[in-house]
């Protein structure tokens, strides 16, 4: 048995045409199975960011949960941080 993986962007004209062709051509054929897999958004997000940056964000979220936060005056932001 051979497995072939093809990445198709279904938003493009070519991707839509390929999906329509493959579904009509292989539908009901013995010995060929089309398995659709979708990539989760969380997986894509984690791949995009630098691991050091992700660690800093998680550390900041933990500090917020502990209550270690600062409040800024929205009417005088520069005065609040200086």
PDB file of N, CA and C in Angstrom:
ATOM      1  N   UNK A   1       0.849  -1.180   0.000  1.00  0.00           N
ATOM      2  CA  UNK A   1       0.000   0.000   0.000  1.00  0.00           C
ATOM      3  C   UNK A   1       0.892   1.239   0.000  1.00  0.00           C
ATOM      4  N   UNK A   2       0.532   2.242  -0.771  1.00  0.00           N
ATOM      5  CA  UNK A   2       1.268   3.495  -0.866  1.00  0.00           C
ATOM      6  C   UNK A   2       0.381   4.619  -0.367  1.00  0.00           C
ATOM      7  N   UNK A   3       0.953   5.523   0.421  1.00  0.00           N
ATOM      8  CA  UNK A   3       0.238   6.694   0.899  1.00  0.00           C
ATOM      9  C   UNK A   3       0.833   7.919   0.241  1.00  0.00           C
ATOM     10  N   UNK A   4      -0.028   8.751  -0.326  1.00  0.00           N
ATOM     11  CA  UNK A   4       0.405   9.988  -0.968  1.00  0.00           C
ATOM     12  C   UNK A   4      -0.256  11.146  -0.234  1.00  0.00           C
ATOM     13  N   UNK A   5       0.534  12.124   0.174  1.00  0.00           N
ATOM     14  CA  UNK A   5       0.011  13.300   0.852  1.00  0.00           C
ATOM     15  C   UNK A   5       0.114  14.490  -0.081  1.00  0.00           C
ATOM     16  N   UNK A   6      -0.999  15.171  -0.275  1.00  0.00           N
ATOM     17  CA  UNK A   6      -1.033  16.347  -1.140  1.00  0.00           C
ATOM     18  C   UNK A   6      -1.613  17.501  -0.332  1.00  0.00           C
ATOM     19  N   UNK A   7      -0.916  18.620  -0.295  1.00  0.00           N
ATOM     20  CA  UNK A   7      -1.394  19.802   0.410  1.00  0.00           C
ATOM     21  C   UNK A   7      -2.125  20.683  -0.598  1.00  0.00           C
ATOM     22  N   UNK A   8      -3.411  20.934  -0.347  1.00  0.00           N
ATOM     23  CA  UNK A   8      -4.250  21.672  -1.293  1.00  0.00           C
ATOM     24  C   UNK A   8      -4.848  22.885  -0.596  1.00  0.00           C
ATOM     25  N   UNK A   9      -4.701  24.038  -1.217  1.00  0.00           N
ATOM     26  CA  UNK A   9      -5.353  25.247  -0.726  1.00  0.00           C
ATOM     27  C   UNK A   9      -6.723  25.326  -1.408  1.00  0.00           C
ATOM     28  N   UNK A  10      -7.766  24.992  -0.665  1.00  0.00           N
ATOM     29  CA  UNK A  10      -9.111  24.937  -1.229  1.00  0.00           C
ATOM     30  C   UNK A  10      -9.681  26.316  -1.553  1.00  0.00           C
ATOM     31  N   UNK A  11      -8.991  27.359  -1.188  1.00  0.00           N
ATOM     32  CA  UNK A  11      -9.465  28.721  -1.483  1.00  0.00           C
ATOM     33  C   UNK A  11      -9.093  29.167  -2.890  1.00  0.00           C
ATOM     34  N   UNK A  12      -8.110  28.489  -3.488  1.00  0.00           N
ATOM     35  CA  UNK A  12      -7.671  28.886  -4.822  1.00  0.00           C
ATOM     36  C   UNK A  12      -8.510  28.189  -5.887  1.00  0.00           C
ATOM     37  N   UNK A  13      -8.477  28.746  -7.078  1.00  0.00           N
ATOM     38  CA  UNK A  13      -9.219  28.177  -8.203  1.00  0.00           C
ATOM     39  C   UNK A  13      -8.697  26.771  -8.523  1.00  0.00           C
ATOM     40  N   UNK A  14      -7.384  26.616  -8.540  1.00  0.00           N
ATOM     41  CA  UNK A  14      -6.781  25.314  -8.831  1.00  0.00           C
ATOM     42  C   UNK A  14      -7.107  24.293  -7.738  1.00  0.00           C
ATOM     43  N   UNK A  15      -7.085  24.744  -6.488  1.00  0.00           N
ATOM     44  CA  UNK A  15      -7.403  23.852  -5.375  1.00  0.00           C
ATOM     45  C   UNK A  15      -8.840  23.364  -5.434  1.00  0.00           C
ATOM     46  N   UNK A  16      -9.756  24.283  -5.745  1.00  0.00           N
ATOM     47  CA  UNK A  16     -11.167  23.900  -5.865  1.00  0.00           C
ATOM     48  C   UNK A  16     -11.361  22.922  -7.014  1.00  0.00           C
ATOM     49  N   UNK A  17     -10.698  23.184  -8.135  1.00  0.00           N
ATOM     50  CA  UNK A  17     -10.822  22.304  -9.295  1.00  0.00           C
ATOM     51  C   UNK A  17     -10.255  20.920  -8.990  1.00  0.00           C
ATOM     52  N   UNK A  18      -9.118  20.874  -8.310  1.00  0.00           N
ATOM     53  CA  UNK A  18      -8.510  19.587  -7.979  1.00  0.00           C
ATOM     54  C   UNK A  18      -9.410  18.780  -7.049  1.00  0.00           C
ATOM     55  N   UNK A  19      -9.970  19.440  -6.036  1.00  0.00           N
ATOM     56  CA  UNK A  19     -10.859  18.745  -5.102  1.00  0.00           C
ATOM     57  C   UNK A  19     -12.098  18.213  -5.821  1.00  0.00           C
ATOM     58  N   UNK A  20     -12.693  19.020  -6.683  1.00  0.00           N
ATOM     59  CA  UNK A  20     -13.879  18.581  -7.423  1.00  0.00           C
ATOM     60  C   UNK A  20     -13.540  17.398  -8.325  1.00  0.00           C
ATOM     61  N   UNK A  21     -12.417  17.462  -9.013  1.00  0.00           N
ATOM     62  CA  UNK A  21     -12.000  16.388  -9.902  1.00  0.00           C
ATOM     63  C   UNK A  21     -11.726  15.104  -9.126  1.00  0.00           C
ATOM     64  N   UNK A  22     -10.983  15.215  -8.038  1.00  0.00           N
ATOM     65  CA  UNK A  22     -10.620  14.013  -7.280  1.00  0.00           C
ATOM     66  C   UNK A  22     -11.838  13.382  -6.622  1.00  0.00           C
ATOM     67  N   UNK A  23     -12.757  14.197  -6.110  1.00  0.00           N
ATOM     68  CA  UNK A  23     -13.963  13.650  -5.483  1.00  0.00           C
ATOM     69  C   UNK A  23     -14.830  12.926  -6.502  1.00  0.00           C
ATOM     70  N   UNK A  24     -14.974  13.498  -7.691  1.00  0.00           N
ATOM     71  CA  UNK A  24     -15.810  12.852  -8.702  1.00  0.00           C
ATOM     72  C   UNK A  24     -15.117  11.630  -9.321  1.00  0.00           C
ATOM     73  N   UNK A  25     -13.813  11.702  -9.493  1.00  0.00           N
ATOM     74  CA  UNK A  25     -13.076  10.623 -10.138  1.00  0.00           C
ATOM     75  C   UNK A  25     -12.908   9.405  -9.230  1.00  0.00           C
ATOM     76  N   UNK A  26     -12.620   9.627  -7.926  1.00  0.00           N
ATOM     77  CA  UNK A  26     -12.314   8.537  -7.019  1.00  0.00           C
ATOM     78  C   UNK A  26     -13.489   8.098  -6.148  1.00  0.00           C
ATOM     79  N   UNK A  27     -14.635   8.740  -6.253  1.00  0.00           N
ATOM     80  CA  UNK A  27     -15.780   8.404  -5.413  1.00  0.00           C
ATOM     81  C   UNK A  27     -16.289   7.001  -5.751  1.00  0.00           C
ATOM     82  N   UNK A  28     -16.345   6.144  -4.754  1.00  0.00           N
ATOM     83  CA  UNK A  28     -16.860   4.800  -4.933  1.00  0.00           C
ATOM     84  C   UNK A  28     -15.879   3.819  -5.547  1.00  0.00           C
ATOM     85  N   UNK A  29     -14.632   4.198  -5.739  1.00  0.00           N
ATOM     86  CA  UNK A  29     -13.630   3.306  -6.320  1.00  0.00           C
ATOM     87  C   UNK A  29     -13.004   2.481  -5.202  1.00  0.00           C
ATOM     88  N   UNK A  30     -12.992   1.162  -5.384  1.00  0.00           N
ATOM     89  CA  UNK A  30     -12.366   0.291  -4.394  1.00  0.00           C
ATOM     90  C   UNK A  30     -10.852   0.442  -4.446  1.00  0.00           C
ATOM     91  N   UNK A  31     -10.225   0.454  -3.288  1.00  0.00           N
ATOM     92  CA  UNK A  31      -8.776   0.526  -3.230  1.00  0.00           C
ATOM     93  C   UNK A  31      -8.222   1.924  -3.105  1.00  0.00           C
ATOM     94  N   UNK A  32      -9.068   2.948  -3.211  1.00  0.00           N
ATOM     95  CA  UNK A  32      -8.609   4.336  -3.053  1.00  0.00           C
ATOM     96  C   UNK A  32      -9.474   5.003  -1.995  1.00  0.00           C
ATOM     97  N   UNK A  33      -8.824   5.584  -1.023  1.00  0.00           N
ATOM     98  CA  UNK A  33      -9.530   6.253   0.072  1.00  0.00           C
ATOM     99  C   UNK A  33      -8.978   7.667   0.209  1.00  0.00           C
ATOM    100  N   UNK A  34      -9.858   8.642   0.228  1.00  0.00           N
ATOM    101  CA  UNK A  34      -9.450  10.033   0.425  1.00  0.00           C
ATOM    102  C   UNK A  34      -9.697  10.381   1.885  1.00  0.00           C
ATOM    103  N   UNK A  35      -8.644  10.783   2.573  1.00  0.00           N
ATOM    104  CA  UNK A  35      -8.723  11.160   3.978  1.00  0.00           C
ATOM    105  C   UNK A  35      -8.375  12.633   4.077  1.00  0.00           C
ATOM    106  N   UNK A  36      -9.295  13.426   4.586  1.00  0.00           N
ATOM    107  CA  UNK A  36      -9.052  14.868   4.713  1.00  0.00           C
ATOM    108  C   UNK A  36      -8.571  15.168   6.122  1.00  0.00           C
ATOM    109  N   UNK A  37      -7.450  15.842   6.214  1.00  0.00           N
ATOM    110  CA  UNK A  37      -6.891  16.274   7.488  1.00  0.00           C
ATOM    111  C   UNK A  37      -6.794  17.780   7.474  1.00  0.00           C
ATOM    112  N   UNK A  38      -7.178  18.399   8.564  1.00  0.00           N
ATOM    113  CA  UNK A  38      -7.068  19.846   8.667  1.00  0.00           C
ATOM    114  C   UNK A  38      -6.077  20.189   9.758  1.00  0.00           C
ATOM    115  N   UNK A  39      -5.281  21.187   9.525  1.00  0.00           N
ATOM    116  CA  UNK A  39      -4.335  21.652  10.518  1.00  0.00           C
ATOM    117  C   UNK A  39      -5.067  22.545  11.502  1.00  0.00           C
ATOM    118  N   UNK A  40      -4.841  22.314  12.787  1.00  0.00           N
ATOM    119  CA  UNK A  40      -5.507  23.145  13.783  1.00  0.00           C
ATOM    120  C   UNK A  40      -4.852  24.509  13.840  1.00  0.00           C
ATOM    121  N   UNK A  41      -5.618  25.509  14.189  1.00  0.00           N
ATOM    122  CA  UNK A  41      -5.087  26.865  14.268  1.00  0.00           C
ATOM    123  C   UNK A  41      -4.054  26.988  15.369  1.00  0.00           C
ATOM    124  N   UNK A  42      -4.272  26.293  16.490  1.00  0.00           N
ATOM    125  CA  UNK A  42      -3.323  26.413  17.592  1.00  0.00           C
ATOM    126  C   UNK A  42      -1.950  25.880  17.199  1.00  0.00           C
ATOM    127  N   UNK A  43      -1.923  24.811  16.416  1.00  0.00           N
ATOM    128  CA  UNK A  43      -0.643  24.283  15.962  1.00  0.00           C
ATOM    129  C   UNK A  43       0.067  25.301  15.093  1.00  0.00           C
ATOM    130  N   UNK A  44      -0.656  25.940  14.189  1.00  0.00           N
ATOM    131  CA  UNK A  44      -0.047  26.938  13.317  1.00  0.00           C
ATOM    132  C   UNK A  44       0.473  28.120  14.133  1.00  0.00           C
ATOM    133  N   UNK A  45      -0.285  28.552  15.121  1.00  0.00           N
ATOM    134  CA  UNK A  45       0.143  29.695  15.926  1.00  0.00           C
ATOM    135  C   UNK A  45       1.429  29.379  16.668  1.00  0.00           C
ATOM    136  N   UNK A  46       1.511  28.194  17.246  1.00  0.00           N
ATOM    137  CA  UNK A  46       2.702  27.838  18.005  1.00  0.00           C
ATOM    138  C   UNK A  46       3.937  27.769  17.108  1.00  0.00           C
ATOM    139  N   UNK A  47       3.778  27.356  15.860  1.00  0.00           N
ATOM    140  CA  UNK A  47       4.909  27.272  14.954  1.00  0.00           C
ATOM    141  C   UNK A  47       5.403  28.648  14.532  1.00  0.00           C
ATOM    142  N   UNK A  48       4.525  29.648  14.518  1.00  0.00           N
ATOM    143  CA  UNK A  48       4.883  30.969  14.038  1.00  0.00           C
ATOM    144  C   UNK A  48       5.756  31.747  15.012  1.00  0.00           C
ATOM    145  N   UNK A  49       5.622  31.499  16.303  1.00  0.00           N
ATOM    146  CA  UNK A  49       6.268  32.334  17.297  1.00  0.00           C
ATOM    147  C   UNK A  49       7.555  31.711  17.830  1.00  0.00           C
ATOM    148  N   UNK A  50       8.486  32.582  18.162  1.00  0.00           N
ATOM    149  CA  UNK A  50       9.747  32.192  18.760  1.00  0.00           C
ATOM    150  C   UNK A  50       9.464  31.584  20.142  1.00  0.00           C
ATOM    151  N   UNK A  51      10.055  30.431  20.481  1.00  0.00           N
ATOM    152  CA  UNK A  51       9.815  29.803  21.781  1.00  0.00           C
ATOM    153  C   UNK A  51      10.140  30.709  22.973  1.00  0.00           C
ATOM    154  N   UNK A  52      11.158  31.571  22.836  1.00  0.00           N
ATOM    155  CA  UNK A  52      11.500  32.496  23.921  1.00  0.00           C
ATOM    156  C   UNK A  52      10.366  33.493  24.148  1.00  0.00           C
ATOM    157  N   UNK A  53       9.767  33.974  23.056  1.00  0.00           N
ATOM    158  CA  UNK A  53       8.652  34.912  23.160  1.00  0.00           C
ATOM    159  C   UNK A  53       7.450  34.238  23.812  1.00  0.00           C
ATOM    160  N   UNK A  54       7.157  33.006  23.437  1.00  0.00           N
ATOM    161  CA  UNK A  54       6.038  32.259  24.023  1.00  0.00           C
ATOM    162  C   UNK A  54       6.262  32.089  25.519  1.00  0.00           C
ATOM    163  N   UNK A  55       7.493  31.790  25.923  1.00  0.00           N
ATOM    164  CA  UNK A  55       7.808  31.625  27.351  1.00  0.00           C
ATOM    165  C   UNK A  55       7.579  32.934  28.106  1.00  0.00           C
ATOM    166  N   UNK A  56       7.959  34.079  27.515  1.00  0.00           N
ATOM    167  CA  UNK A  56       7.750  35.374  28.158  1.00  0.00           C
ATOM    168  C   UNK A  56       6.264  35.673  28.329  1.00  0.00           C
ATOM    169  N   UNK A  57       5.462  35.360  27.318  1.00  0.00           N
ATOM    170  CA  UNK A  57       4.023  35.605  27.395  1.00  0.00           C
ATOM    171  C   UNK A  57       3.396  34.731  28.478  1.00  0.00           C
ATOM    172  N   UNK A  58       3.792  33.461  28.528  1.00  0.00           N
ATOM    173  CA  UNK A  58       3.246  32.559  29.545  1.00  0.00           C
ATOM    174  C   UNK A  58       3.645  33.012  30.953  1.00  0.00           C
ATOM    175  N   UNK A  59       4.881  33.508  31.087  1.00  0.00           N
ATOM    176  CA  UNK A  59       5.335  34.014  32.389  1.00  0.00           C
ATOM    177  C   UNK A  59       4.512  35.239  32.788  1.00  0.00           C
ATOM    178  N   UNK A  60       4.253  36.128  31.832  1.00  0.00           N
ATOM    179  CA  UNK A  60       3.452  37.323  32.111  1.00  0.00           C
ATOM    180  C   UNK A  60       2.030  36.944  32.508  1.00  0.00           C
ATOM    181  N   UNK A  61       1.451  35.940  31.838  1.00  0.00           N
ATOM    182  CA  UNK A  61       0.100  35.492  32.195  1.00  0.00           C
ATOM    183  C   UNK A  61       0.061  34.932  33.615  1.00  0.00           C
ATOM    184  N   UNK A  62       1.119  34.206  34.003  1.00  0.00           N
ATOM    185  CA  UNK A  62       1.194  33.668  35.362  1.00  0.00           C
ATOM    186  C   UNK A  62       1.282  34.803  36.383  1.00  0.00           C
ATOM    187  N   UNK A  63       2.053  35.852  36.072  1.00  0.00           N
ATOM    188  CA  UNK A  63       2.162  37.005  36.969  1.00  0.00           C
ATOM    189  C   UNK A  63       0.814  37.712  37.122  1.00  0.00           C
ATOM    190  N   UNK A  64       0.077  37.808  36.045  1.00  0.00           N
ATOM    191  CA  UNK A  64      -1.244  38.445  36.096  1.00  0.00           C
ATOM    192  C   UNK A  64      -2.172  37.646  37.001  1.00  0.00           C
ATOM    193  N   UNK A  65      -2.125  36.315  36.887  1.00  0.00           N
ATOM    194  CA  UNK A  65      -2.974  35.461  37.737  1.00  0.00           C
ATOM    195  C   UNK A  65      -2.626  35.621  39.208  1.00  0.00           C
ATOM    196  N   UNK A  66      -1.342  35.879  39.500  1.00  0.00           N
ATOM    197  CA  UNK A  66      -0.905  36.089  40.879  1.00  0.00           C
ATOM    198  C   UNK A  66      -1.312  37.466  41.402  1.00  0.00           C
ATOM    199  N   UNK A  67      -1.674  38.356  40.483  1.00  0.00           N
ATOM    200  CA  UNK A  67      -2.068  39.697  40.883  1.00  0.00           C
ATOM    201  C   UNK A  67      -0.959  40.717  40.772  1.00  0.00           C
ATOM    202  N   UNK A  68       0.167  40.342  40.211  1.00  0.00           N
ATOM    203  CA  UNK A  68       1.290  41.263  40.041  1.00  0.00           C
ATOM    204  C   UNK A  68       1.082  42.078  38.763  1.00  0.00           C
ATOM    205  N   UNK A  69       0.282  43.121  38.871  1.00  0.00           N
ATOM    206  CA  UNK A  69      -0.016  43.956  37.706  1.00  0.00           C
ATOM    207  C   UNK A  69       0.150  45.430  38.059  1.00  0.00           C
ATOM    208  N   UNK A  70       0.182  46.261  37.061  1.00  0.00           N
ATOM    209  CA  UNK A  70       0.225  47.711  37.239  1.00  0.00           C
ATOM    210  C   UNK A  70      -0.974  48.306  36.520  1.00  0.00           C
ATOM    211  N   UNK A  71      -1.536  49.369  37.101  1.00  0.00           N
ATOM    212  CA  UNK A  71      -2.659  50.041  36.456  1.00  0.00           C
ATOM    213  C   UNK A  71      -2.183  51.359  35.869  1.00  0.00           C
ATOM    214  N   UNK A  72      -2.671  51.634  34.674  1.00  0.00           N
ATOM    215  CA  UNK A  72      -2.346  52.878  34.010  1.00  0.00           C
ATOM    216  C   UNK A  72      -3.585  53.763  33.980  1.00  0.00           C
ATOM    217  N   UNK A  73      -3.342  55.068  34.116  1.00  0.00           N
ATOM    218  CA  UNK A  73      -4.426  56.032  33.993  1.00  0.00           C
ATOM    219  C   UNK A  73      -4.634  56.296  32.500  1.00  0.00           C
ATOM    220  N   UNK A  74      -5.778  55.915  31.928  1.00  0.00           N
ATOM    221  CA  UNK A  74      -5.986  56.097  30.497  1.00  0.00           C
ATOM    222  C   UNK A  74      -5.976  57.563  30.058  1.00  0.00           C
ATOM    223  N   UNK A  75      -6.218  58.465  30.992  1.00  0.00           N
ATOM    224  CA  UNK A  75      -6.224  59.895  30.665  1.00  0.00           C
ATOM    225  C   UNK A  75      -4.824  60.497  30.682  1.00  0.00           C
ATOM    226  N   UNK A  76      -3.869  59.809  31.338  1.00  0.00           N
ATOM    227  CA  UNK A  76      -2.487  60.294  31.404  1.00  0.00           C
ATOM    228  C   UNK A  76      -1.540  59.095  31.387  1.00  0.00           C
ATOM    229  N   UNK A  77      -1.442  58.457  30.237  1.00  0.00           N
ATOM    230  CA  UNK A  77      -0.640  57.239  30.138  1.00  0.00           C
ATOM    231  C   UNK A  77       0.827  57.524  30.420  1.00  0.00           C
ATOM    232  N   UNK A  78       1.392  58.592  29.826  1.00  0.00           N
ATOM    233  CA  UNK A  78       2.800  58.890  30.036  1.00  0.00           C
ATOM    234  C   UNK A  78       3.088  59.222  31.493  1.00  0.00           C
ATOM    235  N   UNK A  79       2.185  59.893  32.140  1.00  0.00           N
ATOM    236  CA  UNK A  79       2.378  60.200  33.561  1.00  0.00           C
ATOM    237  C   UNK A  79       2.321  58.944  34.419  1.00  0.00           C
ATOM    238  N   UNK A  80       1.554  57.938  33.997  1.00  0.00           N
ATOM    239  CA  UNK A  80       1.436  56.681  34.749  1.00  0.00           C
ATOM    240  C   UNK A  80       2.681  55.824  34.649  1.00  0.00           C
ATOM    241  N   UNK A  81       3.379  55.911  33.526  1.00  0.00           N
ATOM    242  CA  UNK A  81       4.542  55.026  33.350  1.00  0.00           C
ATOM    243  C   UNK A  81       5.864  55.695  33.664  1.00  0.00           C
ATOM    244  N   UNK A  82       5.891  57.002  33.783  1.00  0.00           N
ATOM    245  CA  UNK A  82       7.155  57.685  34.092  1.00  0.00           C
ATOM    246  C   UNK A  82       7.331  57.905  35.562  1.00  0.00           C
TER     247      UNK A  82
END
